[in-house]
Amino acid sequence: MREPILPAPERPDHPARGTTELPGGTGPSTAEATTPAGPPGADRRPPPAPTGTPDGRPPSAPAGPPGADRRLLAVLRSCGHRPGVALAARGLSRSGEHGALWLGAGLLAAAVDRPRRDRWLRGTALIAGAHLASMGVKRLVRRPRPAPETYEPLVRTAGRHSFPSSHATSAAAAVVVFGALHPTAGRLAAPAALAMCLSRLVVGVHYPSDVAAGALLGAATAAAGRSLLARAEAGR
C-alpha cells in the first residue's frame, strides 16, 4: 500500500526577520548568527580610542627632559648602589629638606657672630626666600619627578614636582649669602652645597637639569636680594 504524498509546505513570501534570502532560492541565511549575542540594551559601539601620549602621560602633562638628562641621572643613580654612598646621599638629602641645613647654619652664625647678627639674620631670610621662589616655580612648571619604577628613589619626597630642585636652590643661595658675610663660611658652604646637589641625583628624585636650574635660581635670587639690602643700608 502506497503512503500518501503530502503537499509541500508553503514558502513565506518574505524571509523571517533577521534572515536573508540567498540567490537561487536556496533558503534563508541567518545573518544574525554571526553577531555576538549580548544582553538587551547592551552598548555595541566600538571602544573609545586611547588618550594620552605613547609613553603614558596624559595630554596635559609636561614633556619629560631630553635623553641626555635621563642618561646622566641613570649613571649617578647607579652610584647609590654602594651602601656608603647611599647612606651619605640620604643624610644630605634629608638635612636639606625645606632648606633646614642652611637656615640652621645661618641662625647659628647669627647667634655666634653678634657684631653681624642682623646681617646674618637678613641673609638667612634671603635663603628662605629663594627656597620659596623655587616652590612657586615648581607649581608653574609641574614637571613630574623621575619615574620611581625606573630609578628606584632612595628617599621620600615632600612633593611630586621636580623642576627646579629646591635643595639646589637653597644650597646655592647659602653659598652666595655666607660668602658675602664671611669668606670662610662661603668656602665651607661651597663643597657642602655641591654634595647636596649631587645627593639629589644619587637618590634618584631629580634630573640634572632640575638641579642646575635650582642652583641658578638660588644664586640669582640671593644675589639680587643682597644687592637690594646693600642699597637699603647705604640709603640710611
Foldseek 3Di string as FASTA:
>chain_A
DDDDDDDDDDDDPDDDPQWDQDPPRPDTDRPCVPPDDDDPPDDPDDDDDDADDPVPHHPPADDDDDPVLVVVLLVLQVVCVDPVLVVVLVVLQVCCVLHNVLLVVLCVCLVVVVVCNVLSVLLSVLLNVQLVVQVVVQVVNVHFWPDCVVRVAPDDDPDGTAAADSSLLSLLSSLQSLCVVPVVSNVVSVVSSVSSLSSCSNRRGYTNVNNVRSNVSNNVSNVVSVVVVVVVVVVD
